[in-house]
N, C-alpha and C. Protein backbone atom coordinates (compact mmCIF):
# COMPACT_ATOMS: atom_id res chain seq x y z
N MET A 1 -94.00 171.37 -150.96
CA MET A 1 -93.52 171.51 -150.13
C MET A 1 -94.19 170.32 -148.61
N SER A 2 -93.32 169.19 -148.29
CA SER A 2 -93.41 168.01 -147.37
C SER A 2 -94.68 168.16 -146.70
N SER A 3 -94.96 167.29 -146.24
CA SER A 3 -96.21 167.54 -145.06
C SER A 3 -96.03 166.07 -143.86
N GLY A 4 -95.00 165.36 -144.44
CA GLY A 4 -94.24 163.68 -143.56
C GLY A 4 -93.14 165.15 -142.83
N MET A 5 -93.21 163.59 -141.41
CA MET A 5 -92.47 164.48 -140.95
C MET A 5 -90.79 164.48 -141.19
N ASN A 6 -90.57 165.44 -139.83
CA ASN A 6 -89.02 166.36 -140.35
C ASN A 6 -87.88 164.69 -140.03
N PHE A 7 -87.20 163.55 -140.30
CA PHE A 7 -86.39 162.58 -139.75
C PHE A 7 -85.21 162.99 -140.09
N THR A 8 -84.86 164.91 -140.40
CA THR A 8 -83.52 164.97 -140.34
C THR A 8 -83.55 166.33 -138.94
N GLY A 9 -83.86 165.62 -138.34
CA GLY A 9 -83.13 166.15 -136.64
C GLY A 9 -82.85 166.56 -136.38
N ASN A 10 -80.85 166.06 -136.86
CA ASN A 10 -79.73 166.75 -136.59
C ASN A 10 -79.71 168.13 -137.51
N GLN A 11 -80.54 168.41 -138.59
CA GLN A 11 -81.04 169.30 -139.67
C GLN A 11 -81.16 170.97 -138.50
N THR A 12 -82.49 170.35 -137.93
CA THR A 12 -83.38 170.91 -136.66
C THR A 12 -81.77 172.01 -135.38
N ARG A 13 -81.40 170.03 -134.94
CA ARG A 13 -80.69 170.69 -133.94
C ARG A 13 -79.89 172.24 -134.49
N GLN A 14 -78.70 171.57 -135.13
CA GLN A 14 -77.62 172.36 -136.41
C GLN A 14 -78.00 173.72 -136.32
N LYS A 15 -79.42 173.47 -136.41
CA LYS A 15 -79.69 175.70 -136.77
C LYS A 15 -80.59 175.78 -135.49
N ALA A 16 -80.83 174.76 -134.19
CA ALA A 16 -81.10 175.62 -133.34
C ALA A 16 -79.47 176.83 -132.36
N ALA A 17 -78.60 175.63 -132.58
CA ALA A 17 -77.67 176.36 -132.69
C ALA A 17 -76.54 177.25 -133.25
N GLU A 18 -76.95 177.01 -134.01
CA GLU A 18 -76.56 178.69 -134.78
C GLU A 18 -77.17 179.79 -134.62
N LEU A 19 -78.85 179.00 -133.76
CA LEU A 19 -79.27 180.85 -133.78
C LEU A 19 -79.54 181.04 -132.62
N GLY A 20 -78.24 180.30 -132.07
CA GLY A 20 -78.17 180.40 -130.45
C GLY A 20 -79.33 180.03 -129.34
N LEU A 21 -80.09 179.49 -130.14
CA LEU A 21 -80.72 178.19 -128.50
C LEU A 21 -80.75 177.06 -128.82
N SER A 22 -81.03 176.98 -126.97
CA SER A 22 -80.93 175.87 -125.98
C SER A 22 -81.79 175.23 -125.56
N LEU A 23 -82.59 174.64 -126.82
CA LEU A 23 -83.58 173.35 -126.42
C LEU A 23 -84.79 172.84 -125.71
N GLU A 24 -85.10 172.54 -125.61
CA GLU A 24 -85.05 171.20 -124.15
C GLU A 24 -85.29 169.86 -125.31
N ASP A 25 -85.32 168.77 -124.84
CA ASP A 25 -85.84 167.56 -125.32
C ASP A 25 -87.84 166.91 -126.26
N LEU A 26 -87.73 167.80 -124.92
CA LEU A 26 -89.54 167.99 -125.45
C LEU A 26 -89.68 168.65 -127.28
N THR A 27 -89.02 170.06 -126.48
CA THR A 27 -89.73 170.78 -127.51
C THR A 27 -88.74 169.94 -129.08
N LEU A 28 -87.59 169.90 -129.26
CA LEU A 28 -87.07 168.85 -130.71
C LEU A 28 -87.25 167.86 -130.29
N LYS A 29 -88.28 166.74 -129.90
CA LYS A 29 -89.64 165.84 -131.03
C LYS A 29 -90.44 166.42 -131.32
N ALA A 30 -90.73 167.74 -130.56
CA ALA A 30 -92.39 168.39 -131.25
C ALA A 30 -91.31 168.85 -132.62
N LEU A 31 -90.64 169.34 -132.49
CA LEU A 31 -89.77 169.54 -133.78
C LEU A 31 -89.99 168.60 -135.02
N ALA A 32 -89.40 167.21 -135.10
CA ALA A 32 -88.91 166.12 -135.46
C ALA A 32 -90.84 165.45 -135.79
N ARG A 33 -91.61 165.98 -134.88
CA ARG A 33 -92.70 165.59 -135.85
C ARG A 33 -93.61 167.06 -136.41
N LEU A 34 -92.77 167.70 -137.30
CA LEU A 34 -93.06 168.48 -137.88
C LEU A 34 -92.40 168.85 -139.47
N PRO A 35 -92.64 168.73 -140.53
CA PRO A 35 -91.42 168.76 -141.70
C PRO A 35 -90.83 170.28 -141.26
N LEU A 36 -89.96 169.71 -141.93
CA LEU A 36 -88.71 170.30 -141.73
C LEU A 36 -89.13 172.05 -141.93
N ARG A 37 -89.31 172.23 -143.71
CA ARG A 37 -89.73 173.62 -143.53
C ARG A 37 -90.44 174.03 -142.46
N SER A 38 -91.15 173.73 -141.87
CA SER A 38 -92.67 174.32 -141.23
C SER A 38 -91.22 174.35 -139.68
N SER A 39 -89.89 173.59 -139.22
CA SER A 39 -89.69 173.36 -137.89
C SER A 39 -88.26 174.67 -138.52
N LEU A 40 -87.36 174.94 -139.40
CA LEU A 40 -86.70 176.14 -139.51
C LEU A 40 -87.18 176.84 -139.59
N LYS A 41 -88.78 177.78 -139.73
CA LYS A 41 -89.22 178.46 -139.76
C LYS A 41 -89.48 179.07 -138.63
N LEU A 42 -90.19 178.03 -137.48
CA LEU A 42 -90.36 177.96 -136.06
C LEU A 42 -89.15 178.13 -134.61
N LEU A 43 -87.92 177.77 -135.83
CA LEU A 43 -86.74 178.11 -134.87
C LEU A 43 -86.36 179.99 -135.31
N GLU A 44 -87.12 180.17 -136.14
CA GLU A 44 -86.47 181.73 -136.81
C GLU A 44 -87.31 182.71 -135.93
N SER A 45 -88.85 182.01 -135.65
CA SER A 45 -89.49 182.48 -134.51
C SER A 45 -89.04 182.65 -133.60
N ALA A 46 -88.95 181.49 -132.98
CA ALA A 46 -88.21 181.57 -131.61
C ALA A 46 -86.98 181.83 -131.27
N ALA A 47 -85.99 182.38 -132.18
CA ALA A 47 -84.71 183.19 -132.61
C ALA A 47 -85.31 184.70 -131.39
N ALA A 48 -86.02 185.13 -132.90
CA ALA A 48 -87.07 186.28 -132.86
C ALA A 48 -87.07 186.61 -131.03
N ALA A 49 -88.37 185.35 -131.16
CA ALA A 49 -88.97 185.71 -129.81
C ALA A 49 -87.61 185.66 -128.03
N GLN A 50 -86.92 184.57 -128.69
CA GLN A 50 -86.14 185.02 -127.16
C GLN A 50 -85.35 186.84 -127.49
N MET A 51 -85.19 186.74 -127.73
CA MET A 51 -84.36 187.81 -128.59
C MET A 51 -85.06 189.19 -127.89
N GLY A 52 -86.49 189.13 -127.48
CA GLY A 52 -87.35 189.91 -126.92
C GLY A 52 -87.51 189.70 -125.21
N GLY A 53 -87.24 188.28 -125.11
CA GLY A 53 -87.07 188.06 -123.70
C GLY A 53 -88.31 187.02 -123.71
N ALA A 54 -89.23 186.25 -124.69
CA ALA A 54 -89.49 185.50 -124.59
C ALA A 54 -88.84 183.87 -124.11
N ASP A 55 -89.07 182.73 -123.92
CA ASP A 55 -88.86 181.04 -123.52
C ASP A 55 -88.62 180.64 -125.17
N PRO A 56 -88.29 180.31 -125.72
CA PRO A 56 -87.97 179.85 -127.18
C PRO A 56 -88.62 178.11 -127.44
N ASN A 57 -88.68 177.62 -126.07
CA ASN A 57 -88.99 176.42 -126.00
C ASN A 57 -91.44 176.35 -125.99
N ALA A 58 -91.70 177.52 -125.07
CA ALA A 58 -92.51 177.86 -125.13
C ALA A 58 -93.51 178.21 -126.17
N VAL A 59 -92.57 179.56 -127.15
CA VAL A 59 -92.95 179.57 -128.21
C VAL A 59 -93.12 178.69 -129.18
N ILE A 60 -92.17 177.05 -129.40
CA ILE A 60 -92.05 176.62 -130.65
C ILE A 60 -93.57 175.40 -129.69
N ILE A 61 -93.40 174.89 -128.74
CA ILE A 61 -94.39 174.31 -128.79
C ILE A 61 -95.58 174.50 -128.70
N ALA A 62 -95.87 175.98 -128.94
CA ALA A 62 -97.56 176.37 -129.02
C ALA A 62 -97.84 176.41 -130.35
N GLU A 63 -96.68 176.66 -131.10
CA GLU A 63 -96.74 176.57 -132.07
C GLU A 63 -97.17 175.64 -133.52
N ALA A 64 -96.14 174.46 -132.11
CA ALA A 64 -96.25 173.28 -133.25
C ALA A 64 -97.70 172.73 -133.22
N CYS A 65 -97.72 172.82 -131.59
CA CYS A 65 -99.00 172.20 -131.65
C CYS A 65 -100.34 172.91 -131.99
N THR A 66 -100.23 174.22 -132.57
CA THR A 66 -101.15 174.60 -133.67
C THR A 66 -100.98 174.28 -135.03
N LEU A 67 -100.07 173.92 -134.92
CA LEU A 67 -99.36 173.36 -136.67
C LEU A 67 -99.76 171.55 -136.56
N ARG A 68 -99.38 171.22 -136.04
CA ARG A 68 -99.89 170.24 -135.86
C ARG A 68 -101.29 169.59 -136.09
N HIS A 69 -102.46 170.26 -135.59
CA HIS A 69 -104.16 170.59 -135.39
C HIS A 69 -103.49 170.65 -137.16
N ASP A 70 -103.64 171.45 -137.43
CA ASP A 70 -103.84 172.16 -138.87
C ASP A 70 -103.50 170.77 -139.60
N TYR A 71 -102.22 170.65 -139.45
CA TYR A 71 -101.73 169.54 -140.53
C TYR A 71 -102.72 168.25 -140.49
N ALA A 72 -102.97 167.39 -138.94
CA ALA A 72 -104.37 166.54 -138.46
C ALA A 72 -105.92 167.13 -139.27
N LYS A 73 -106.12 168.37 -139.14
CA LYS A 73 -107.65 168.67 -139.86
C LYS A 73 -107.03 168.74 -141.55
N PHE A 74 -106.00 169.71 -142.11
CA PHE A 74 -106.12 168.99 -143.72
C PHE A 74 -104.90 168.65 -144.52
N GLY A 75 -104.30 168.12 -143.23
CA GLY A 75 -103.36 167.37 -144.23
C GLY A 75 -103.14 166.55 -145.20
């Protein structure tokens, strides 16, 4: 698994659209700072959270901050 930045933001945007997520620019930028696999997993989690009534942007931002902290600590 790559630990570098996600330079394929178009894949992330495309997956978000497939999942019916309308994400803010800040959220997409946060996803772009994560490895692609992590971004895609977060999108899946956000889609599930949205189905339960949660804001997918908030879910992604919160988890992305945790992941970025972990990568900085252990990366």
